[in-house]
Amino acid sequence: MKKESRTAAKKSPASAPTPRKRFPLERRPLFTALFAGNSVAELIRNSRAAHWQGADAVCAELACLPREERTVEALRPFMTATPLPTMCCLYRNDHLKQDDDARQKDLLTALEAGAACIDVMGDLYDPSPREWARKSAAIAKQKRLIAKIHEAGAQVIISAHLYAFVEPEEVLAQLKDFEKRGADIVKLVQTADTEEEFLAALRATFLCRRELKTPFVHLVSGAFAALHRLIAPSLGLALTFAKLDPRDAIPMPPLANLKGVFENLRFQLP
């Protein structure tokens, strides 16, 4: 018996799967570097840069990757390049012009390669206004997908990018609906182009913090994007996104600036 136990002990470390680096949602906010790349090598460089710049996590958009690099073998070095947990997303701007099923297959490949969190579009399988699927068949399919991702030990963020202004109560209603689908994080990005819209967006952030049970991300694009994104991490967001290079055209604050404002503001809602 003792000999068998020693043998089992020797074998277990080699046979044990590598733990997946999950997003530590108990720590908020998580400053997440968002980037894309034309190759896995570029994703790796960006991930390492994010690590050295103090990011808590990374989010990789896979839209620019060539077909031959959307494999488990190609993507795994990216997932293990740093200790940071990795989120992967692939929207309808995919350069390969794939449909929803094909894109989700690529994201499941990233999951198998070691991604910690997979983005599920709010209108996946049912392209809809406000990226909010309403058809019961599409929602059921989303729930099955989410269950599959959870079975693999990973997390899910359900996201919607509206490119329009919506009232605070509508923001809350949409994210509550996403919450019911089983996501670990719910996300909505809306537009705020006027003072009134900015103040309403702030109220939406407070409303989500008070009413949602699921960790949430509520961000703003448009004329007031920078102002809202700089203060929102202090208002209850689970995570927020930043760019690595200040010269990048992506309309979001650089990681160093975002973290600097948060640290110097010295204010965070409990």
Foldseek 3Di string as FASTA:
>chain_A
DVVVVVVCVVVVVVPDDDDFLAQPLVDFAFEEAEDEDLALVVLLVQVVLCVVLPGQAYEYEDQNYDPVCLALVNNLCSCVSDSHAYEYEYDCSRPVNDALVVRVVSQVRNLSSRHQEYEDECQRVHDDQQSHHDDPVRLVVLLVSQVVSVVSVHFYEYETEHAAFDALVVLQVRQVVVVVSPHQEYEYEHEDADPVSVVRLVVSLLVCQVPPPHAYYYAYDYPCRAVCLLCSSQSRHSYGYAHCDCPDPPPYHHSNSSVVSVVVVPHHDD
